[in-house]
Structures are given as structure tokens and as C-alpha cells.
Amino acid sequence: MKDKYIIIVDPYSSGALYADILKKNNIQPIAVLSSEKPPDVYSKSFIPNDYAITYYFDSYSEIELIHLLRKFDPIAILTGCESGVKIAELIAPKILPDRSNSAELAMSRWHKGEMNKAITNANLPNMKQICSNSITEIHEWIVFEKLQGKDLIIKPPASASTDSVTLVKNGVGWEAIFNKMIGVNNRLGRKNTSLMIQEFLTGKEYAVDVITYAGKHSICSICLYNKVQINGVIGIYESMRWLSLDFKDCEIIINYATNVLDALGIMFGVSHIEIMMTDDGPKLIEIGARPHGGGHPKYSKKAVGDSQIERIVQSYINGELSDKKYDLKCQMIVVFFICENDCYIFGLQKLEKLKKLDSFFDMRVNIKEGDEVNATSDLFSSLDLGFVVLSHTDTEVIKNDYLIVRSLEKEIYVDKNFARS
């Protein structure tokens, strides 16, 4: 029997989970890395031995690499994480033109400035925003949009995990923040040649995880984010909770999400869509044309019975969309560790008590006794600390256990300034 292959571009973070699923289905995974080595934030998740062969995009000309990959006659090209979206969108139409996304809109799936243009062109509700490298142009835009004195957001147009997302209160001093961020490399190793300036949205923020096959979309899970502001930094992940399909505005959120996918020319693959439900209706925060990160598919398996990476693989095997309405099997919440100040870690063994909680499901602790850690500033730094996953059929049990998590967590941080005094 001829071997079947699927190519995974940058199989990091949740994308690393593809390998086992493919092998269980007698499909050989091939890794294509967009750079010589994974970005530091993803390096621990890449396991070379999981792949039949690994290619490095920078080691070949584009033509050479495409020629090499065509020989495997792959049934799919999938993106593992955000750093791989650009390369996956580049090579897929040239290897699998009948199983790829719109080539004309490729940049809109990894560059937030182009994403904004595509959403605007599709006449979908959208936040006020501009992508620019010109302070003069941004000044004029702020005046035109009547945003003087309003809260603003500045962030890189091609990064992930709330990297450098900065709140500018009342719009005061945005120029200094802009000058500090422009021209520097972000956490994905890409230079910020321009920056996004956005109005500040308020409301409920949802994460919608979808698979798409032949232009048809299927919802795999919907989560509600709770984010907090610490030391002037917004978007700090506090928790994430899986939702059933009967919450208020569910239909509105789903319709908006699928319209966004269509506007960005997504015909195949998996997507992670972040949407703010505002008083004026749904508005796109951003979309990742890749799986929900941080190992999310593993937890979705418990919460809803399957995951987007399992369903997209099954879709390619069957040659049709693996479509079904998901059911919430149990209540589940991810509680992200948060460090409010620069600290030392002491008494880490106290967290072992969490394993005895009635709702305990999983825990990731990525710190060691005596470590120095900086105040949490984005999702990357949250994941550098770790998180606890709680799951139970009784929401009251989860609520009580959540409070215990937060209480114990505070006991392991020793403020650096306090330690020196």
C-alpha cells in the first residue's frame, strides 16, 4: 500500500498534536519549518522524531522545495501555528491547488492590516483601525475617525498571543509607544515594519474554533475569554471557559465567524477566530488560520468530545467535511497563572495540592523552584508560567476549586523588591 502524507508547516504548540493523530490514521507527517529553528516561544513543542522527514524553508529555493514536496503527493498541507501561516499559504496553492485557500487573499490570513482590508471590503462589521509606519498618517486617521482622547490599542500586525498589545489610555503618548515598537523584532522573530492602531473595544470576547473543507465550515468549539489588565498591560489571559451552543448571541457569533472565513478566502484547514461582542454587534479582534494554541485541542477532546485537528484530519481522509454539532460534555475552564510583579518562585510544591481538587483535570507548570520571573505581559509569558485545567459537571465545584487555585498560586511568588529588603 502506498504511504499517505500530510505536510504540517511549523508543527509547534497545538500543531505538534497532529503527528500522533496522523500516525494513528496511517498517514505519515512531514514537517516544514519556516525558519532554521523554531521561534524561542515554540522551541520546546517541536519533536523532530515525530516526522517522517523535516524540511527547512530557508534551505531551499521556493521552486526546489515545492518540487521536493510534490513527490510525496500529499493529501493536505496544514498549518501548525501562527509562525507557519505565511509559508503554508505560499506553498499550498502550488502543490495542492484544488485543496488550498484563495491565493489572492493569502496575506490577509497572516497580516492584520490586510485582514482588516478584507473584512472591510466584505462589508462586515469591524473595529476602526489602521496599519501604518507613519506617525503623520496615524495622526490624520485619529482625527478623521474622531478618536482624539479615546483609548487606543497598538500592536504588531504579524505576531500572536497578545504579543506587545498595548493600551494607550485616552490616546495620550501613543507616539512614544509607536516609536518604541516600530522596527523591532516581535516574539515570532518578525520585524515590526508597521504597526496596528485600533480603537479600544469592550464587550464579551469569544474564541471560535472552526474547520473548513471545500468552502464549508463547521464549528468545533466556542470559548469565552476572561482577560485582565495588569500594570497597564491589557489582554492578560485570566481564564477561558468552554460554552454550550445555547448561550446568548451564539447564532450571531457563528454567522459572523463564518462570514469572516469567507471574506478571507478560507476554503480548507482550521481557524481560530477571536470576536468581541460589543453593544454595536460582533467585531473581529483577529483570526489565526491555524489551530487554537496552547494545547487547546487536547482539552476540547474532554469538553466537547473531539477537536478541530482530529476533525480536519478526518475530513481529508473521507474527502468531505466532518460536520457535526458539538455538545458540551462537561464544564471546563483553563485558569492561567498570573504574576503581577517581577518575582522569585519559592514553595512550588504547594501546587501539588491542586491535583487533589474534585475538578482537577490537568496542570502545566513551566517554572522551577528559585526561578526569576517577570510580571505577566502577554499570553506567551502566561504560558511560560503555566495553567490549571478544571473540569466537572457541577459549576459550583469548579467555582470553589478556582478560588483555591488562585489562593495557592499567590503563595509561590516572592516579589523581587520585597526579597531584597
Protein backbone atom coordinates (compact mmCIF):
# COMPACT_ATOMS: atom_id res chain seq x y z
CA MET A 1 0.00 0.00 0.00
CA LYS A 2 1.30 3.43 -0.94
CA ASP A 3 2.07 5.67 2.04
CA LYS A 4 -0.12 8.73 2.54
CA TYR A 5 1.42 12.02 3.64
CA ILE A 6 0.24 15.28 5.16
CA ILE A 7 2.56 18.29 5.40
CA ILE A 8 2.49 20.37 8.59
CA VAL A 9 4.11 23.80 8.37
CA ASP A 10 5.62 24.77 11.73
CA PRO A 11 4.17 21.92 13.83
CA TYR A 12 4.54 23.81 17.09
CA SER A 13 2.20 24.46 20.03
CA SER A 14 -1.11 22.70 19.29
CA GLY A 15 0.18 21.90 15.81
CA ALA A 16 2.53 19.38 17.42
CA LEU A 17 -0.55 17.27 18.23
CA TYR A 18 -1.09 16.47 14.54
CA ALA A 19 1.74 13.92 14.41
CA ASP A 20 0.15 11.30 16.68
CA ILE A 21 -3.28 11.71 15.12
CA LEU A 22 -1.86 11.26 11.62
CA LYS A 23 0.11 8.17 12.58
CA LYS A 24 -2.96 6.59 14.19
CA ASN A 25 -4.64 7.02 10.80
CA ASN A 26 -1.66 5.53 8.89
CA ILE A 27 -0.64 8.89 7.49
CA GLN A 28 2.99 9.99 7.55
CA PRO A 29 3.54 13.55 8.85
CA ILE A 30 6.11 15.73 7.08
CA ALA A 31 7.36 18.87 8.82
CA VAL A 32 8.23 22.07 7.00
CA LEU A 33 9.84 24.69 9.22
CA SER A 34 9.57 28.32 8.19
CA SER A 35 12.95 29.12 9.76
CA GLU A 36 16.19 27.34 10.63
CA LYS A 37 14.96 26.76 14.15
CA PRO A 38 11.60 27.28 15.86
CA PRO A 39 10.95 30.67 17.46
CA ASP A 40 12.07 30.55 21.11
CA VAL A 41 8.46 30.65 22.32
CA TYR A 42 7.69 27.40 20.47
CA SER A 43 11.01 25.53 20.61
CA LYS A 44 10.01 23.06 23.35
CA SER A 45 6.97 21.82 21.42
CA PHE A 46 8.83 20.61 18.32
CA ILE A 47 9.85 16.92 18.43
CA PRO A 48 11.86 16.10 15.25
CA ASN A 49 11.45 12.32 15.63
CA ASP A 50 7.69 12.67 15.23
CA TYR A 51 8.08 13.36 11.49
CA ALA A 52 8.98 11.16 8.55
CA ILE A 53 11.19 13.96 7.26
CA THR A 54 11.75 17.63 8.06
CA TYR A 55 12.42 20.37 5.52
CA TYR A 56 13.68 23.85 6.30
CA PHE A 57 12.15 26.51 4.08
CA ASP A 58 15.27 28.70 4.21
CA SER A 59 17.47 25.84 2.97
CA TYR A 60 15.89 25.69 -0.47
CA SER A 61 14.62 27.97 -3.15
CA GLU A 62 10.85 28.07 -3.27
CA ILE A 63 10.86 26.11 -6.53
CA GLU A 64 13.17 23.43 -5.12
CA LEU A 65 11.10 22.91 -2.00
CA ILE A 66 7.82 22.70 -3.90
CA HIS A 67 9.41 20.13 -6.27
CA LEU A 68 10.55 18.03 -3.29
CA LEU A 69 7.19 18.15 -1.55
CA ARG A 70 5.18 17.31 -4.68
CA LYS A 71 6.94 13.95 -4.87
CA PHE A 72 5.11 12.83 -1.74
CA ASP A 73 1.72 13.52 -3.35
CA PRO A 74 0.39 14.88 -0.02
CA ILE A 75 -3.32 14.80 0.69
CA ALA A 76 -3.14 18.04 2.68
CA ILE A 77 -0.96 20.94 3.72
CA LEU A 78 -1.84 22.19 7.19
CA THR A 79 -0.52 24.98 9.39
CA GLY A 80 0.70 24.09 12.87
CA CYS A 81 0.87 27.56 14.44
CA GLU A 82 0.90 31.26 13.61
CA SER A 83 4.55 31.40 12.53
CA GLY A 84 3.78 28.95 9.71
CA VAL A 85 0.72 30.59 8.17
CA LYS A 86 2.65 32.69 5.66
CA ILE A 87 4.66 29.75 4.26
CA ALA A 88 1.71 27.35 4.24
CA GLU A 89 -0.36 29.85 2.28
CA LEU A 90 2.54 30.32 -0.14
CA ILE A 91 3.21 26.67 -0.97
CA ALA A 92 -0.26 25.09 -0.72
CA PRO A 93 -1.73 26.57 -3.93
CA LYS A 94 1.36 25.43 -5.87
CA ILE A 95 1.25 21.86 -4.56
CA LEU A 96 -2.47 21.28 -3.95
CA PRO A 97 -4.33 23.95 -5.93
CA ASP A 98 -7.66 22.14 -5.51
CA ARG A 99 -7.23 21.89 -1.71
CA SER A 100 -5.92 25.32 -0.79
CA ASN A 101 -7.19 28.77 0.13
CA SER A 102 -7.58 31.82 -2.07
CA ALA A 103 -4.07 32.81 -3.18
CA GLU A 104 -5.17 36.40 -3.80
CA LEU A 105 -6.14 36.85 -0.15
CA ALA A 106 -3.20 34.94 1.35
CA MET A 107 -1.67 37.96 3.08
CA SER A 108 -4.97 38.76 4.80
CA ARG A 109 -4.66 35.49 6.71
CA TRP A 110 -1.41 36.40 8.48
CA HIS A 111 -1.12 40.21 8.33
CA LYS A 112 -3.69 42.06 10.44
CA GLY A 113 -3.58 45.15 8.26
CA GLU A 114 -4.58 43.16 5.17
CA MET A 115 -7.05 41.22 7.30
CA ASN A 116 -8.77 44.50 8.15
CA LYS A 117 -8.97 45.45 4.46
CA ALA A 118 -10.56 42.12 3.52
CA ILE A 119 -13.16 42.39 6.29
CA THR A 120 -13.95 45.97 5.28
CA ASN A 121 -14.23 45.01 1.60
CA ALA A 122 -16.74 42.32 2.56
CA ASN A 123 -18.85 44.96 4.36
CA LEU A 124 -18.66 43.09 7.66
CA PRO A 125 -18.83 44.96 10.98
CA ASN A 126 -15.30 45.83 12.03
CA MET A 127 -13.40 47.97 14.50
CA LYS A 128 -11.79 51.25 13.49
CA GLN A 129 -8.12 50.54 12.78
CA ILE A 130 -5.17 51.45 10.63
CA CYS A 131 -1.87 49.77 9.80
CA SER A 132 0.90 52.27 9.17
CA ASN A 133 4.56 53.17 9.68
CA SER A 134 3.83 56.91 9.58
CA ILE A 135 3.07 58.98 12.67
CA THR A 136 1.68 61.73 10.43
CA GLU A 137 -0.74 59.34 8.74
CA ILE A 138 -1.89 57.96 12.09
CA HIS A 139 -2.45 61.48 13.46
CA GLU A 140 -4.68 62.24 10.48
CA TRP A 141 -6.54 58.94 10.91
CA ILE A 142 -7.22 59.60 14.60
CA VAL A 143 -8.73 62.97 13.75
CA PHE A 144 -10.74 61.55 10.83
CA GLU A 145 -12.20 58.76 12.99
CA LYS A 146 -12.90 61.17 15.88
CA LEU A 147 -10.74 59.12 18.27
CA GLN A 148 -8.96 62.06 19.95
CA GLY A 149 -8.87 61.45 23.69
CA LYS A 150 -10.14 57.88 23.30
CA ASP A 151 -8.39 54.69 24.43
CA LEU A 152 -6.30 53.12 21.66
CA ILE A 153 -4.56 49.80 21.09
CA ILE A 154 -1.14 49.43 19.45
CA LYS A 155 0.12 46.01 18.37
CA PRO A 156 2.23 44.28 15.71
CA PRO A 157 0.38 43.30 12.51
CA ALA A 158 2.11 39.92 12.19
CA SER A 159 2.51 38.31 15.59
CA ALA A 160 0.46 36.21 18.03
CA SER A 161 -0.56 35.53 21.64
CA THR A 162 -1.18 39.19 22.61
CA ASP A 163 2.49 39.95 21.88
CA SER A 164 3.14 43.67 22.60
CA VAL A 165 -0.57 44.51 22.62
CA THR A 166 -0.51 47.88 24.39
CA LEU A 167 -3.33 50.01 25.74
CA VAL A 168 -2.90 53.76 25.35
CA LYS A 169 -5.23 55.38 27.89
CA ASN A 170 -7.07 58.38 26.46
CA GLY A 171 -4.71 58.20 23.48
CA VAL A 172 -2.04 60.07 25.45
CA GLY A 173 1.56 59.31 24.46
CA TRP A 174 0.82 56.86 21.68
CA GLU A 175 3.65 58.32 19.59
CA ALA A 176 6.29 57.29 22.15
CA ILE A 177 4.90 53.74 22.28
CA PHE A 178 4.80 53.62 18.49
CA ASN A 179 8.44 54.72 18.22
CA LYS A 180 9.48 52.11 20.80
CA MET A 181 7.82 49.24 18.90
CA ILE A 182 8.44 50.15 15.27
CA GLY A 183 11.43 48.48 13.64
CA VAL A 184 11.99 45.90 16.39
CA ASN A 185 11.51 42.14 16.17
CA ASN A 186 8.37 40.70 17.74
CA ARG A 187 8.05 37.36 19.55
CA LEU A 188 7.75 35.48 16.24
CA GLY A 189 11.07 36.97 15.12
CA ARG A 190 9.46 39.27 12.55
CA LYS A 191 10.40 42.94 12.31
CA ASN A 192 7.59 45.40 13.00
CA THR A 193 7.86 47.42 9.79
CA SER A 194 4.43 48.88 10.52
CA LEU A 195 2.01 48.77 13.46
CA MET A 196 -1.71 48.43 14.02
CA ILE A 197 -3.53 51.31 15.74
CA GLN A 198 -7.03 50.35 16.83
CA GLU A 199 -9.96 51.68 18.76
CA PHE A 200 -10.38 50.00 22.13
CA LEU A 201 -13.35 47.63 22.15
CA THR A 202 -15.34 46.50 25.16
CA GLY A 203 -17.70 43.55 25.47
CA LYS A 204 -17.50 39.77 25.68
CA GLU A 205 -14.65 38.15 23.80
CA TYR A 206 -15.22 34.76 22.21
CA ALA A 207 -12.84 32.27 20.64
CA VAL A 208 -14.47 30.30 17.83
CA ASP A 209 -12.64 27.24 16.53
CA VAL A 210 -13.61 26.03 13.09
CA ILE A 211 -12.67 23.52 10.42
CA THR A 212 -13.23 24.21 6.73
CA TYR A 213 -13.32 21.77 3.84
CA ALA A 214 -14.19 22.69 0.25
CA GLY A 215 -15.54 26.04 1.42
CA LYS A 216 -17.90 24.56 4.02
CA HIS A 217 -17.39 25.43 7.68
CA SER A 218 -18.10 23.51 10.88
CA ILE A 219 -17.85 24.87 14.42
CA CYS A 220 -15.72 22.70 16.72
CA SER A 221 -15.89 24.69 19.96
CA ILE A 222 -16.62 28.16 21.32
CA CYS A 223 -14.90 29.56 24.39
CA LEU A 224 -15.33 32.71 26.42
CA TYR A 225 -12.17 34.57 27.40
CA ASN A 226 -11.72 36.48 30.61
CA LYS A 227 -8.81 38.92 30.31
CA VAL A 228 -7.50 41.39 32.84
CA GLN A 229 -5.28 44.45 32.93
CA ILE A 230 -2.07 44.40 34.97
CA ASN A 231 0.45 47.22 35.31
CA GLY A 232 -1.11 49.00 32.34
CA VAL A 233 -0.86 45.90 30.13
CA ILE A 234 -4.18 44.67 28.75
CA GLY A 235 -5.17 41.34 27.33
CA ILE A 236 -3.67 39.25 30.13
CA TYR A 237 -5.41 35.88 29.96
CA GLU A 238 -7.07 35.15 33.30
CA SER A 239 -9.25 32.22 32.27
CA MET A 240 -11.03 30.56 29.35
CA ARG A 241 -14.30 28.65 29.57
CA TRP A 242 -15.96 26.31 27.08
CA LEU A 243 -19.54 27.19 26.17
CA SER A 244 -22.53 25.15 25.07
CA LEU A 245 -24.34 26.21 21.91
CA ASP A 246 -27.25 27.84 23.75
CA PHE A 247 -25.58 31.00 25.08
CA LYS A 248 -26.97 34.40 24.21
CA ASP A 249 -25.75 35.68 20.82
CA CYS A 250 -24.45 32.24 19.83
CA GLU A 251 -26.08 32.31 16.40
CA ILE A 252 -24.85 35.86 15.78
CA ILE A 253 -21.29 34.88 16.70
CA ILE A 254 -21.34 31.78 14.48
CA ASN A 255 -22.76 33.64 11.48
CA TYR A 256 -20.20 36.40 11.86
CA ALA A 257 -17.35 33.90 12.21
CA THR A 258 -18.27 32.02 9.03
CA ASN A 259 -18.68 35.29 7.12
CA VAL A 260 -15.16 36.27 8.24
CA LEU A 261 -13.80 32.97 6.92
CA ASP A 262 -15.46 33.59 3.56
CA ALA A 263 -14.15 37.16 3.44
CA LEU A 264 -10.59 35.89 3.95
CA GLY A 265 -10.88 33.25 1.26
CA ILE A 266 -10.54 30.28 3.61
CA MET A 267 -11.57 27.12 1.79
CA PHE A 268 -9.60 24.43 3.65
CA GLY A 269 -7.99 23.93 7.05
CA VAL A 270 -8.54 25.05 10.61
CA SER A 271 -9.11 28.52 12.02
CA HIS A 272 -9.14 30.22 15.41
CA ILE A 273 -11.32 33.35 15.39
CA GLU A 274 -11.43 35.91 18.19
CA ILE A 275 -14.58 38.04 18.22
CA MET A 276 -15.71 40.82 20.56
CA MET A 277 -19.46 41.05 21.05
CA THR A 278 -19.91 44.79 21.59
CA ASP A 279 -23.02 46.91 22.11
CA ASP A 280 -22.85 47.52 18.34
CA GLY A 281 -22.68 43.83 17.49
CA PRO A 282 -19.80 41.44 16.73
CA LYS A 283 -16.42 42.78 15.65
CA LEU A 284 -13.32 40.85 14.70
CA ILE A 285 -10.33 41.03 17.00
CA GLU A 286 -8.25 38.79 14.73
CA ILE A 287 -8.15 35.37 13.15
CA GLY A 288 -5.45 32.72 13.13
CA ALA A 289 -5.53 30.42 10.10
CA ARG A 290 -4.24 27.59 12.29
CA PRO A 291 -5.33 25.58 15.36
CA HIS A 292 -6.17 27.15 18.70
CA GLY A 293 -2.81 27.17 20.50
CA GLY A 294 -1.61 26.12 23.93
CA GLY A 295 -2.73 22.51 23.61
CA HIS A 296 -6.38 23.56 23.34
CA PRO A 297 -7.41 20.58 21.12
CA LYS A 298 -6.41 18.16 23.89
CA TYR A 299 -8.81 19.86 26.30
CA SER A 300 -11.56 20.18 23.72
CA LYS A 301 -11.47 16.41 23.44
CA LYS A 302 -12.61 16.27 27.07
CA ALA A 303 -15.01 19.22 26.93
CA VAL A 304 -16.86 18.52 23.67
CA GLY A 305 -15.75 15.02 22.66
CA ASP A 306 -13.41 15.89 19.80
CA SER A 307 -11.16 18.64 18.46
CA GLN A 308 -10.57 20.66 15.33
CA ILE A 309 -7.33 18.87 14.48
CA GLU A 310 -8.98 15.44 14.69
CA ARG A 311 -11.93 16.58 12.60
CA ILE A 312 -9.86 18.22 9.87
CA VAL A 313 -7.71 15.09 9.51
CA GLN A 314 -10.88 13.00 9.24
CA SER A 315 -12.21 15.41 6.61
CA TYR A 316 -9.15 14.90 4.42
CA ILE A 317 -9.31 11.13 4.87
CA ASN A 318 -13.01 10.99 3.91
CA GLY A 319 -12.83 13.69 1.25
CA GLU A 320 -15.69 15.65 2.79
CA LEU A 321 -16.35 17.94 5.73
CA SER A 322 -16.55 16.20 9.09
CA ASP A 323 -19.56 18.22 10.15
CA LYS A 324 -21.49 17.80 13.36
CA LYS A 325 -23.00 19.95 16.07
CA TYR A 326 -20.84 19.75 19.15
CA ASP A 327 -22.22 19.05 22.62
CA LEU A 328 -20.68 20.26 25.86
CA LYS A 329 -19.87 17.03 27.71
CA CYS A 330 -18.77 18.80 30.91
CA GLN A 331 -17.95 22.24 32.25
CA MET A 332 -14.31 23.14 31.67
CA ILE A 333 -12.15 26.15 32.44
CA VAL A 334 -8.48 26.92 31.96
CA VAL A 335 -7.05 29.06 34.75
CA PHE A 336 -3.88 30.81 33.59
CA PHE A 337 -1.18 31.55 36.14
CA ILE A 338 -0.55 35.29 36.52
CA CYS A 339 2.41 37.00 38.14
CA GLU A 340 1.65 40.65 38.88
CA ASN A 341 5.23 41.72 39.67
CA ASP A 342 8.78 40.62 38.96
CA CYS A 343 9.21 37.70 41.36
CA TYR A 344 11.17 34.71 42.58
CA ILE A 345 9.49 31.30 42.72
CA PHE A 346 9.52 29.58 46.11
CA GLY A 347 7.36 26.81 47.57
CA LEU A 348 6.40 25.43 44.18
CA GLN A 349 5.49 22.07 45.74
CA LYS A 350 2.37 23.73 47.17
CA LEU A 351 0.79 23.48 43.73
CA GLU A 352 0.74 19.70 44.09
CA LYS A 353 -2.30 20.18 46.33
CA LEU A 354 -4.25 21.24 43.25
CA LYS A 355 -4.14 17.68 41.94
CA LYS A 356 -6.48 16.66 44.76
CA LEU A 357 -9.24 19.09 43.76
CA ASP A 358 -12.51 17.46 42.73
CA SER A 359 -12.45 19.23 39.36
CA PHE A 360 -8.74 18.85 38.63
CA PHE A 361 -8.09 17.65 35.06
CA ASP A 362 -4.62 18.81 34.10
CA MET A 363 -1.86 21.23 35.08
CA ARG A 364 1.15 22.63 33.25
CA VAL A 365 3.88 24.09 35.42
CA ASN A 366 6.70 25.53 33.34
CA ILE A 367 8.66 27.15 36.18
CA LYS A 368 11.15 25.73 38.67
CA GLU A 369 11.95 26.42 42.28
CA GLY A 370 14.11 29.56 42.58
CA ASP A 371 13.33 30.86 39.09
CA GLU A 372 13.21 34.58 38.47
CA VAL A 373 10.08 35.51 36.53
CA ASN A 374 8.91 38.80 35.13
CA ALA A 375 5.44 40.23 35.54
CA THR A 376 3.00 38.64 33.11
CA SER A 377 2.76 40.77 29.97
CA ASP A 378 1.19 38.57 27.26
CA LEU A 379 -0.04 35.05 26.57
CA PHE A 380 3.49 33.83 25.90
CA SER A 381 4.55 34.88 29.41
CA SER A 382 1.39 33.33 30.87
CA LEU A 383 2.23 30.01 29.25
CA ASP A 384 5.82 30.35 30.47
CA LEU A 385 4.32 30.10 33.97
CA GLY A 386 1.65 27.51 33.27
CA PHE A 387 -2.04 26.88 33.87
CA VAL A 388 -4.55 24.57 35.53
CA VAL A 389 -7.49 22.93 33.76
CA LEU A 390 -10.59 22.28 35.83
CA SER A 391 -13.43 20.07 34.63
CA HIS A 392 -16.63 18.90 36.31
CA THR A 393 -20.35 18.53 35.68
CA ASP A 394 -21.11 20.86 38.60
CA THR A 395 -20.25 24.52 38.03
CA GLU A 396 -20.21 25.20 41.79
CA VAL A 397 -17.42 22.68 42.26
CA ILE A 398 -15.39 24.44 39.58
CA LYS A 399 -16.05 27.87 41.14
CA ASN A 400 -14.83 26.72 44.54
CA ASP A 401 -11.77 24.98 43.11
CA TYR A 402 -10.96 28.05 41.04
CA LEU A 403 -10.66 30.12 44.22
CA ILE A 404 -8.30 27.55 45.69
CA VAL A 405 -6.11 27.73 42.55
CA ARG A 406 -5.81 31.50 42.83
CA SER A 407 -5.11 31.34 46.56
CA LEU A 408 -2.34 28.73 46.28
CA GLU A 409 -0.81 30.43 43.28
CA LYS A 410 -0.18 33.62 45.25
CA GLU A 411 1.85 31.67 47.79
CA ILE A 412 4.60 30.75 45.31
CA TYR A 413 5.52 34.31 44.28
CA VAL A 414 8.03 36.38 46.25
CA ASP A 415 8.27 39.96 44.99
CA LYS A 416 11.86 40.78 43.99
CA ASN A 417 11.73 44.15 45.71
CA PHE A 418 10.43 42.54 48.92
CA ALA A 419 13.14 39.84 48.75
CA ARG A 420 15.87 42.47 48.53
CA SER A 421 14.59 44.49 51.51
